[in-house]
Amino acid sequence: MNTQKITLGVIVGNRGFFPAHLCDSGRKEILKTLEKAGIGVVILPTTATKFGAVESMSDAEKCAALFKENAGQIDGLLVTLPNFGDERGVANAIRWSGLRVPVLVHAFNDDPTIMTIKDRRDSFCGKMSVCNNLRQYNLPFSLTRLHTDAPDSRTFIQDLADFVITCRVIRALKNLRIGALGARPTAFNTVRYSEKLLERSGISIETLDLFELFGWVNKMKEADAAVEAKLQEIQQYVVAKAIPPIALLKMAKFGVAVDKWMKDTRLNATAIQCWTAMEEFFGVVPCTLMSMMSNMGMSSACEVDIMGTVAMYAMAQASGRPSALVDWNNNYGEDPDKGVIFHCSNLPKDLFVEKGEGSPVMDYQEIIAGTVGRENTYGTVVGRVKAAGFTYLRCSTDDFAGQIRAYIGEGEITDDALKTFGGYGVVKIRNFQTLLRYICENGFEHHVAINPTGIAAGVKEALSKYLGWDVYLHA
């Protein structure tokens, strides 16, 4: 799954009372770091202003105009201060650009051995003035770990990596369209949510009744080119030797219908009613098709868990790796910091161990087979989640408070012994019992999205600072 390159608009701050030559050298240093990080840049040319920096109102106007012209490609803004910098020039350039994207404020270090009027930066002080003005202008911004830092330092490079994640999340959730296929299962009050609160954050929901989708499926012929292509895609995706051909054909038709619906209604992700009407009246589970979509970055959550889809999609787009939706499902022996994650499952193939025991294979859904019959539940993707560091995220709409809330953190997927069915794994999380208490006391759902990367800091910043969600970071 490819992730589009991030492009930043860069503002080099300048102030005439301070050495302007530092803007020349500082600009070169910051651009070198951005190039090494693979980050695209929109910046004033050195012919437009002195060293391409921003100081006067005229400079701010030129910078704002440049950003407006390139608004479609700018994902975030980097303000860098090689010297004190003019706070009004920076703030006005951002305001006049009309951009509402994440902003990272960086300041250079002074060298205590060269603190004469010729080389003294005072960026330490200027950063406070810039941040003061941004807050007055009601422009949210992010800060580096250290108040001042060198552009090539390990800490600033990590700051940039986190900021890129923040920009990816905001870009992904801006105008996100999620398809809700089918009604919420009656037994799952936990997946209730507010469409209106999501719409306030720019996330739209497109609904479709299962009856309508099955109507499209019933009109398809076995020999339809799209059906044959989808059938081949399914068989190439996961081992399905034990699955009856009729079940695979139903999955292929279902997949074609969902693909067309997503294309026609411009959907980025889905949440699907996976039981029990589909099994009783259609005769398969949708898990493999959902696994395939999630594996390609088009996150798909079961039980019409729209908020689960939001969390999955945000992390998938942030990391470039597929996300899964799992249950916080079981304790693991008596270790208070370990637990079992599980789903029946529609987990994306890339999260499973690749070879041997636990590698992914298509099977039937053991939990509901006793109710609707094994022959009606083929289509799960079962296996063990491979050991890795991971980030977990749960988003939820709090209708009583009129806001969206979330919790996020990082942990470890272990290779501890476990023999069970479905998609499963063992996790280790620091102060896990504290997290579990927080989940229960705050009414969060038992579903949680996981992603096999460490992206908590950048995602948390996006959701809290730039979307205004109430986010708890567990540590």
Protein backbone atom coordinates (compact mmCIF):
# COMPACT_ATOMS: atom_id res chain seq x y z
CA MET A 1 0.00 0.00 0.00
CA ASN A 2 1.60 3.25 -1.15
CA THR A 3 1.33 6.49 0.79
CA GLN A 4 1.41 9.76 -1.11
CA LYS A 5 4.42 12.01 -0.53
CA ILE A 6 3.94 14.81 1.98
CA THR A 7 4.65 18.39 0.87
CA LEU A 8 5.25 21.21 3.33
CA GLY A 9 5.01 24.93 2.81
CA VAL A 10 8.14 26.37 4.46
CA ILE A 11 8.37 29.82 6.06
CA VAL A 12 11.85 31.01 6.95
CA GLY A 13 11.42 33.78 9.52
CA ASN A 14 13.66 36.84 9.52
CA ARG A 15 13.97 40.04 11.55
CA GLY A 16 16.13 42.93 10.48
CA PHE A 17 17.60 43.61 13.92
CA PHE A 18 19.30 40.19 13.80
CA PRO A 19 21.94 38.73 11.44
CA ALA A 20 20.22 38.13 8.10
CA HIS A 21 23.03 35.89 6.84
CA LEU A 22 21.74 33.24 9.27
CA CYS A 23 18.57 33.03 7.14
CA ASP A 24 20.69 32.12 4.14
CA SER A 25 22.59 29.33 5.90
CA GLY A 26 19.51 28.26 7.89
CA ARG A 27 17.38 27.94 4.77
CA LYS A 28 19.99 25.70 3.15
CA GLU A 29 20.25 23.51 6.26
CA ILE A 30 16.51 23.01 6.66
CA LEU A 31 16.00 22.26 2.96
CA LYS A 32 18.77 19.67 3.10
CA THR A 33 17.05 17.92 6.02
CA LEU A 34 13.67 17.96 4.27
CA GLU A 35 15.18 16.54 1.10
CA LYS A 36 16.81 13.70 3.04
CA ALA A 37 13.45 12.94 4.68
CA GLY A 38 11.74 12.72 1.28
CA ILE A 39 9.48 15.69 2.02
CA GLY A 40 8.35 17.97 -0.80
CA VAL A 41 8.73 21.72 -0.36
CA VAL A 42 6.92 24.89 -1.41
CA ILE A 43 9.07 27.89 -0.42
CA LEU A 44 9.65 31.44 -1.59
CA PRO A 45 12.55 31.64 -4.04
CA THR A 46 15.56 33.66 -2.96
CA THR A 47 14.75 36.15 -5.73
CA ALA A 48 11.34 36.97 -4.20
CA THR A 49 12.58 38.28 -0.84
CA LYS A 50 15.90 38.56 0.98
CA PHE A 51 17.14 34.95 1.12
CA GLY A 52 13.55 33.82 0.43
CA ALA A 53 12.67 34.64 4.05
CA VAL A 54 9.57 36.35 5.47
CA GLU A 55 9.84 39.56 7.48
CA SER A 56 7.78 42.46 6.15
CA MET A 57 4.10 42.62 5.25
CA SER A 58 5.13 42.55 1.61
CA ASP A 59 7.07 39.34 2.24
CA ALA A 60 4.06 37.83 4.01
CA GLU A 61 1.80 38.70 1.05
CA LYS A 62 4.18 37.05 -1.40
CA CYS A 63 4.43 33.94 0.76
CA ALA A 64 0.65 33.72 1.22
CA ALA A 65 0.10 34.07 -2.54
CA LEU A 66 2.59 31.27 -3.22
CA PHE A 67 0.87 28.99 -0.72
CA LYS A 68 -2.55 29.81 -2.20
CA GLU A 69 -1.32 28.86 -5.66
CA ASN A 70 -0.08 25.51 -4.33
CA ALA A 71 -2.84 24.87 -1.78
CA GLY A 72 -3.81 21.59 -3.43
CA GLN A 73 -0.42 20.05 -2.75
CA ILE A 74 0.49 21.55 0.65
CA ASP A 75 -0.21 19.15 3.54
CA GLY A 76 1.35 21.17 6.34
CA LEU A 77 3.48 24.22 7.12
CA LEU A 78 6.93 24.39 8.68
CA VAL A 79 7.95 27.65 10.31
CA THR A 80 11.70 27.71 10.87
CA LEU A 81 13.52 30.52 12.70
CA PRO A 82 17.25 30.85 11.94
CA ASN A 83 17.11 34.14 13.85
CA PHE A 84 14.45 35.81 16.04
CA GLY A 85 12.03 36.05 13.12
CA ASP A 86 9.18 38.50 12.65
CA GLU A 87 6.10 37.12 14.39
CA ARG A 88 3.66 39.29 12.42
CA GLY A 89 5.16 38.25 9.10
CA VAL A 90 4.86 34.57 9.98
CA ALA A 91 1.34 34.79 11.39
CA ASN A 92 0.02 36.91 8.53
CA ALA A 93 1.58 34.69 5.86
CA ILE A 94 -0.32 31.74 7.33
CA ARG A 95 -3.58 33.64 7.85
CA TRP A 96 -3.58 35.21 4.38
CA SER A 97 -2.79 31.88 2.72
CA GLY A 98 -6.18 30.59 3.86
CA LEU A 99 -4.63 27.18 4.60
CA ARG A 100 -5.98 25.17 7.53
CA VAL A 101 -3.28 22.56 7.79
CA PRO A 102 -0.96 21.45 10.60
CA VAL A 103 1.85 23.89 11.47
CA LEU A 104 5.21 22.93 13.01
CA VAL A 105 7.28 25.69 14.65
CA HIS A 106 11.05 25.14 14.75
CA ALA A 107 13.84 27.35 16.08
CA PHE A 108 17.61 27.04 15.60
CA ASN A 109 20.10 26.67 18.46
CA ASP A 110 22.47 29.46 19.40
CA ASP A 111 26.15 28.60 19.79
CA PRO A 112 27.35 30.00 23.15
CA THR A 113 30.87 30.44 21.73
CA ILE A 114 29.66 32.93 19.10
CA MET A 115 27.07 35.12 20.80
CA THR A 116 28.23 38.45 19.37
CA ILE A 117 25.87 40.77 17.50
CA LYS A 118 27.22 39.31 14.25
CA ASP A 119 26.09 35.73 14.87
CA ARG A 120 23.56 35.76 17.72
CA ARG A 121 20.23 34.21 16.69
CA ASP A 122 17.83 34.78 19.62
CA SER A 123 15.55 32.16 17.98
CA PHE A 124 14.92 30.83 21.50
CA CYS A 125 13.07 34.05 22.30
CA GLY A 126 11.58 34.59 18.84
CA LYS A 127 9.82 31.23 18.90
CA MET A 128 7.78 32.36 21.90
CA SER A 129 6.73 35.51 20.05
CA VAL A 130 5.69 33.56 16.95
CA CYS A 131 3.68 31.08 19.04
CA ASN A 132 2.06 33.96 20.92
CA ASN A 133 0.87 35.49 17.64
CA LEU A 134 -0.33 32.19 16.21
CA ARG A 135 -2.44 31.67 19.31
CA GLN A 136 -3.86 35.20 19.00
CA TYR A 137 -4.74 34.41 15.38
CA ASN A 138 -6.43 31.16 16.49
CA LEU A 139 -4.03 29.11 14.37
CA PRO A 140 -3.22 25.73 15.99
CA PHE A 141 0.41 24.65 15.83
CA SER A 142 2.76 21.85 16.89
CA LEU A 143 6.06 22.16 18.72
CA THR A 144 9.35 20.32 18.54
CA ARG A 145 10.54 18.14 21.45
CA LEU A 146 13.27 20.63 22.26
CA HIS A 147 12.57 24.35 22.30
CA THR A 148 15.51 24.93 19.93
CA ASP A 149 17.21 22.27 17.85
CA ALA A 150 19.59 21.75 14.94
CA PRO A 151 17.93 20.72 11.65
CA ASP A 152 20.11 17.62 11.37
CA SER A 153 19.66 16.42 14.97
CA ARG A 154 18.12 13.05 15.79
CA THR A 155 15.38 14.74 17.82
CA PHE A 156 14.33 17.14 15.08
CA ILE A 157 14.31 14.38 12.48
CA GLN A 158 11.94 12.45 14.76
CA ASP A 159 9.85 15.62 15.17
CA LEU A 160 9.58 15.81 11.40
CA ALA A 161 8.59 12.13 11.16
CA ASP A 162 5.85 12.65 13.75
CA PHE A 163 4.66 15.80 11.97
CA VAL A 164 4.44 13.94 8.66
CA ILE A 165 2.16 11.40 10.39
CA THR A 166 0.02 14.26 11.72
CA CYS A 167 -0.26 15.72 8.22
CA ARG A 168 -1.16 12.32 6.75
CA VAL A 169 -3.98 11.83 9.27
CA ILE A 170 -5.47 15.27 8.65
CA ARG A 171 -5.27 14.77 4.88
CA ALA A 172 -6.85 11.31 5.19
CA LEU A 173 -9.76 12.39 7.38
CA LYS A 174 -10.49 15.59 5.46
CA ASN A 175 -13.51 14.74 3.28
CA LEU A 176 -13.33 11.06 4.27
CA ARG A 177 -16.36 9.11 3.00
CA ILE A 178 -17.29 5.84 4.72
CA GLY A 179 -19.90 3.40 3.47
CA ALA A 180 -22.20 1.81 6.05
CA LEU A 181 -23.48 -1.41 4.48
CA GLY A 182 -26.45 -2.81 6.35
CA ALA A 183 -27.99 -1.97 9.70
CA ARG A 184 -26.18 -2.12 13.02
CA PRO A 185 -26.58 -5.65 14.43
CA THR A 186 -29.30 -5.55 17.08
CA ALA A 187 -27.07 -7.04 19.76
CA PHE A 188 -24.31 -4.42 19.28
CA ASN A 189 -25.38 -1.23 21.04
CA THR A 190 -21.66 -0.62 21.47
CA VAL A 191 -21.25 0.48 17.85
CA ARG A 192 -23.78 3.32 18.03
CA TYR A 193 -22.36 6.62 16.83
CA SER A 194 -23.30 10.14 15.74
CA GLU A 195 -23.15 10.93 12.02
CA LYS A 196 -23.54 14.63 12.78
CA LEU A 197 -20.47 14.80 15.02
CA LEU A 198 -18.45 13.06 12.31
CA GLU A 199 -19.75 15.48 9.69
CA ARG A 200 -18.51 18.35 11.84
CA SER A 201 -15.00 16.92 11.39
CA GLY A 202 -15.48 16.53 7.63
CA ILE A 203 -16.27 12.79 7.68
CA SER A 204 -19.38 11.71 5.76
CA ILE A 205 -21.35 8.46 5.92
CA GLU A 206 -23.07 6.87 2.91
CA THR A 207 -25.59 4.17 3.83
CA LEU A 208 -26.81 1.18 1.82
CA ASP A 209 -29.31 -1.51 2.75
CA LEU A 210 -28.19 -5.13 2.38
CA PHE A 211 -31.41 -5.84 0.48
CA GLU A 212 -30.36 -3.45 -2.27
CA LEU A 213 -26.85 -4.86 -2.51
CA PHE A 214 -28.12 -8.43 -2.69
CA GLY A 215 -30.45 -7.30 -5.48
CA TRP A 216 -27.41 -6.23 -7.48
CA VAL A 217 -25.70 -9.53 -6.69
CA ASN A 218 -28.68 -11.57 -7.89
CA LYS A 219 -28.54 -9.89 -11.29
CA MET A 220 -24.94 -11.00 -11.89
CA LYS A 221 -24.04 -13.97 -14.04
CA GLU A 222 -21.34 -16.47 -13.12
CA ALA A 223 -19.61 -15.77 -16.43
CA ASP A 224 -19.53 -11.98 -15.99
CA ALA A 225 -16.00 -10.76 -16.56
CA ALA A 226 -15.95 -8.76 -13.32
CA VAL A 227 -17.11 -11.79 -11.33
CA GLU A 228 -14.46 -14.03 -12.86
CA ALA A 229 -11.77 -11.45 -12.18
CA LYS A 230 -12.83 -11.04 -8.55
CA LEU A 231 -12.94 -14.82 -8.07
CA GLN A 232 -9.36 -15.07 -9.32
CA GLU A 233 -8.33 -12.18 -7.06
CA ILE A 234 -9.80 -13.97 -4.02
CA GLN A 235 -8.06 -17.24 -4.81
CA GLN A 236 -4.73 -15.48 -5.27
CA TYR A 237 -5.14 -13.55 -2.02
CA VAL A 238 -5.50 -16.39 0.47
CA VAL A 239 -5.39 -20.21 0.53
CA ALA A 240 -8.98 -21.38 -0.08
CA LYS A 241 -8.59 -25.03 -1.10
CA ALA A 242 -11.13 -26.27 1.47
CA ILE A 243 -13.85 -23.78 0.49
CA PRO A 244 -16.80 -24.97 -1.67
CA PRO A 245 -16.81 -23.34 -5.14
CA ILE A 246 -20.37 -22.03 -4.64
CA ALA A 247 -19.23 -20.09 -1.57
CA LEU A 248 -16.30 -18.56 -3.45
CA LEU A 249 -18.62 -17.53 -6.28
CA LYS A 250 -20.96 -15.78 -3.83
CA MET A 251 -18.00 -13.92 -2.35
CA ALA A 252 -16.86 -12.84 -5.81
CA LYS A 253 -20.29 -11.44 -6.68
CA PHE A 254 -20.51 -9.71 -3.32
CA GLY A 255 -17.06 -8.18 -3.88
CA VAL A 256 -17.98 -6.89 -7.33
CA ALA A 257 -21.12 -5.24 -5.94
CA VAL A 258 -19.22 -3.58 -3.10
CA ASP A 259 -16.47 -2.37 -5.46
CA LYS A 260 -19.04 -0.75 -7.77
CA TRP A 261 -20.87 0.87 -4.86
CA MET A 262 -17.63 2.32 -3.50
CA LYS A 263 -16.60 3.63 -6.90
CA ASP A 264 -20.00 5.14 -7.72
CA THR A 265 -20.36 6.90 -4.36
CA ARG A 266 -16.68 7.89 -3.97
CA LEU A 267 -16.12 5.88 -0.78
CA ASN A 268 -12.72 5.52 0.89
CA ALA A 269 -13.63 2.87 3.46
CA THR A 270 -16.53 0.75 4.72
CA ALA A 271 -18.24 -0.79 7.74
CA ILE A 272 -20.32 -3.86 6.98
CA GLN A 273 -23.12 -5.77 8.72
CA CYS A 274 -21.44 -9.15 8.93
CA TRP A 275 -24.02 -11.20 10.81
CA THR A 276 -26.38 -12.90 10.85
CA ALA A 277 -28.67 -11.90 7.96
CA MET A 278 -25.87 -12.32 5.44
CA GLU A 279 -25.16 -15.88 6.53
CA GLU A 280 -28.79 -16.94 6.86
CA PHE A 281 -30.04 -15.51 3.58
CA PHE A 282 -26.93 -15.24 1.39
CA GLY A 283 -24.77 -18.06 2.69
CA VAL A 284 -21.25 -16.65 3.25
CA VAL A 285 -19.43 -14.23 5.53
CA PRO A 286 -17.88 -11.08 4.00
CA CYS A 287 -14.61 -11.39 5.93
CA THR A 288 -12.28 -12.22 3.04
CA LEU A 289 -13.53 -9.29 0.96
CA MET A 290 -13.14 -6.97 3.96
CA SER A 291 -9.65 -8.34 4.60
CA MET A 292 -8.70 -7.64 0.99
CA MET A 293 -9.99 -4.07 1.16
CA SER A 294 -8.20 -3.36 4.44
CA ASN A 295 -5.01 -4.84 3.04
CA MET A 296 -5.13 -2.23 0.26
CA GLY A 297 -5.71 0.64 2.69
CA MET A 298 -9.48 0.82 2.15
CA SER A 299 -10.23 -0.07 5.76
CA SER A 300 -13.31 -2.19 6.41
CA ALA A 301 -14.77 -2.80 9.88
CA CYS A 302 -17.31 -5.44 10.83
CA GLU A 303 -20.59 -5.05 12.75
CA VAL A 304 -21.12 -1.65 11.07
CA ASP A 305 -18.55 -0.17 13.45
CA ILE A 306 -18.10 3.17 11.72
CA MET A 307 -15.90 4.58 14.48
CA GLY A 308 -13.73 1.50 14.20
CA THR A 309 -13.34 2.26 10.50
CA VAL A 310 -12.34 5.85 11.28
CA ALA A 311 -9.55 4.64 13.57
CA MET A 312 -8.41 1.95 11.11
CA TYR A 313 -8.30 4.36 8.19
CA ALA A 314 -6.51 7.13 10.08
CA MET A 315 -3.69 4.80 11.08
CA ALA A 316 -3.47 3.03 7.73
CA GLN A 317 -3.07 6.33 5.90
CA ALA A 318 -0.65 7.63 8.54
CA SER A 319 1.64 4.62 8.36
CA GLY A 320 1.21 3.18 4.87
CA ARG A 321 0.48 -0.18 6.51
CA PRO A 322 -2.91 -1.93 6.82
CA SER A 323 -4.92 -1.64 10.04
CA ALA A 324 -7.13 -4.27 11.63
CA LEU A 325 -10.12 -4.10 13.96
CA VAL A 326 -9.94 -6.52 16.88
CA ASP A 327 -11.55 -7.19 20.24
CA TRP A 328 -9.79 -6.65 23.51
CA ASN A 329 -10.85 -10.23 24.12
CA ASN A 330 -9.13 -12.17 26.90
CA ASN A 331 -6.61 -12.04 29.70
CA TYR A 332 -3.37 -13.91 29.08
CA GLY A 333 -2.75 -16.06 32.13
CA GLU A 334 -1.96 -13.98 35.19
CA ASP A 335 0.24 -11.37 33.51
CA PRO A 336 -1.53 -8.03 34.15
CA ASP A 337 0.22 -6.34 31.21
CA LYS A 338 -0.73 -8.96 28.62
CA GLY A 339 -3.98 -9.80 26.85
CA VAL A 340 -5.44 -11.64 23.87
CA ILE A 341 -6.69 -9.75 20.81
CA PHE A 342 -9.11 -11.58 18.52
CA HIS A 343 -11.59 -11.41 15.68
CA CYS A 344 -13.38 -14.10 13.72
CA SER A 345 -11.74 -12.74 11.32
CA ASN A 346 -11.42 -10.17 8.58
CA LEU A 347 -7.90 -9.10 9.49
CA PRO A 348 -5.73 -7.97 6.54
CA LYS A 349 -3.33 -10.62 5.29
CA ASP A 350 -0.23 -8.49 5.83
CA LEU A 351 -0.69 -8.62 9.62
CA PHE A 352 -0.49 -12.41 9.87
CA VAL A 353 2.62 -14.56 10.23
CA GLU A 354 3.71 -15.47 6.73
CA LYS A 355 4.68 -19.14 7.02
CA GLY A 356 3.93 -22.22 9.09
CA GLU A 357 1.40 -22.46 11.88
CA GLY A 358 -0.74 -19.36 12.08
CA SER A 359 -0.28 -18.29 8.44
CA PRO A 360 -3.54 -17.05 6.90
CA VAL A 361 -6.06 -19.45 5.38
CA MET A 362 -9.73 -19.13 4.47
CA ASP A 363 -12.09 -21.05 6.76
CA TYR A 364 -15.59 -20.95 8.20
CA GLN A 365 -16.85 -18.76 11.05
CA GLU A 366 -16.81 -21.03 14.10
CA ILE A 367 -18.74 -18.74 16.43
CA ILE A 368 -21.99 -18.61 14.46
CA ALA A 369 -21.69 -21.87 12.52
CA GLY A 370 -23.65 -23.63 15.26
CA THR A 371 -26.54 -21.21 14.71
CA VAL A 372 -26.74 -20.86 10.93
CA GLY A 373 -24.80 -23.93 9.78
CA ARG A 374 -21.15 -24.30 8.83
CA GLU A 375 -22.02 -24.34 5.11
CA ASN A 376 -23.31 -20.76 5.41
CA THR A 377 -20.26 -19.28 7.14
CA TYR A 378 -17.32 -19.80 4.78
CA GLY A 379 -15.11 -16.79 4.14
CA THR A 380 -13.17 -15.94 7.30
CA VAL A 381 -9.41 -15.36 7.14
CA VAL A 382 -7.87 -17.09 10.14
CA GLY A 383 -4.32 -16.99 11.43
CA ARG A 384 -1.98 -15.48 14.00
CA VAL A 385 -0.93 -11.84 14.06
CA LYS A 386 2.85 -11.66 13.77
CA ALA A 387 5.02 -10.24 16.52
CA ALA A 388 5.72 -6.53 16.14
CA GLY A 389 5.47 -3.21 17.85
CA PHE A 390 2.02 -1.72 17.29
CA THR A 391 -0.24 1.27 17.85
CA TYR A 392 -3.82 0.92 19.06
CA LEU A 393 -6.57 3.50 18.61
CA ARG A 394 -10.25 3.70 19.47
CA CYS A 395 -12.48 6.60 18.43
CA SER A 396 -15.99 7.14 19.77
CA THR A 397 -18.67 9.82 19.51
CA ASP A 398 -19.84 11.14 22.88
CA ASP A 399 -23.34 12.45 22.17
CA PHE A 400 -23.83 13.67 25.74
CA ALA A 401 -20.75 15.90 25.56
CA GLY A 402 -21.19 16.71 21.85
CA GLN A 403 -17.65 15.69 20.95
CA ILE A 404 -15.54 12.90 19.52
CA ARG A 405 -13.27 11.12 21.98
CA ALA A 406 -10.43 8.66 21.53
CA TYR A 407 -7.64 6.84 23.28
CA ILE A 408 -4.34 5.82 21.73
CA GLY A 409 -1.10 4.15 22.75
CA GLU A 410 1.64 1.76 21.74
CA GLY A 411 2.54 -1.75 22.78
CA GLU A 412 3.98 -5.02 21.58
CA ILE A 413 2.42 -7.97 19.79
CA THR A 414 4.28 -10.96 21.22
CA ASP A 415 4.92 -14.53 20.10
CA ASP A 416 3.65 -16.03 23.38
CA ALA A 417 2.07 -19.46 22.98
CA LEU A 418 -1.64 -19.43 22.12
CA LYS A 419 -3.84 -22.01 20.44
CA THR A 420 -7.25 -20.81 19.34
CA PHE A 421 -9.29 -20.01 16.21
CA GLY A 422 -10.03 -16.88 14.16
CA GLY A 423 -7.50 -14.07 13.87
CA TYR A 424 -5.60 -13.78 17.13
CA GLY A 425 -2.51 -12.56 18.94
CA VAL A 426 -1.06 -11.78 22.35
CA VAL A 427 -0.27 -8.18 23.24
CA LYS A 428 1.83 -6.60 25.94
CA ILE A 429 1.02 -3.05 27.03
CA ARG A 430 2.64 -1.08 29.81
CA ASN A 431 0.16 -0.38 32.63
CA PHE A 432 -2.46 -2.39 30.74
CA GLN A 433 -4.76 -2.57 33.75
CA THR A 434 -4.85 1.23 33.92
CA LEU A 435 -5.84 1.36 30.25
CA LEU A 436 -8.56 -1.25 30.74
CA ARG A 437 -9.95 0.71 33.68
CA TYR A 438 -9.94 3.88 31.54
CA ILE A 439 -11.82 2.08 28.75
CA CYS A 440 -14.51 0.82 31.13
CA GLU A 441 -14.91 3.99 33.18
CA ASN A 442 -15.25 6.12 30.05
CA GLY A 443 -17.64 3.82 28.21
CA PHE A 444 -15.41 2.94 25.26
CA GLU A 445 -16.26 0.00 23.02
CA HIS A 446 -14.58 -3.43 23.15
CA HIS A 447 -13.38 -3.00 19.54
CA VAL A 448 -9.99 -1.38 18.94
CA ALA A 449 -8.02 -0.66 15.77
CA ILE A 450 -4.41 -1.83 15.60
CA ASN A 451 -1.57 -1.00 13.23
CA PRO A 452 1.88 -2.65 13.20
CA THR A 453 3.82 0.62 13.48
CA GLY A 454 4.70 3.15 16.17
CA ILE A 455 2.68 6.22 15.22
CA ALA A 456 0.83 7.21 18.41
CA ALA A 457 2.43 10.64 18.90
CA GLY A 458 1.71 11.91 15.40
CA VAL A 459 -1.83 10.52 15.26
CA LYS A 460 -2.68 11.90 18.70
CA GLU A 461 -1.47 15.36 17.68
CA ALA A 462 -3.65 15.27 14.55
CA LEU A 463 -6.83 14.19 16.31
CA SER A 464 -6.48 16.45 19.34
CA LYS A 465 -4.68 19.59 18.13
CA TYR A 466 -6.15 19.93 14.64
CA LEU A 467 -9.52 18.18 14.83
CA GLY A 468 -10.30 19.17 18.41
CA TRP A 469 -11.09 15.64 19.61
CA ASP A 470 -10.63 14.69 23.26
CA VAL A 471 -7.75 12.20 23.10
CA TYR A 472 -6.14 10.20 25.91
CA LEU A 473 -2.57 9.05 25.23
CA HIS A 474 -1.80 5.96 27.32
CA ALA A 475 1.76 5.54 28.51
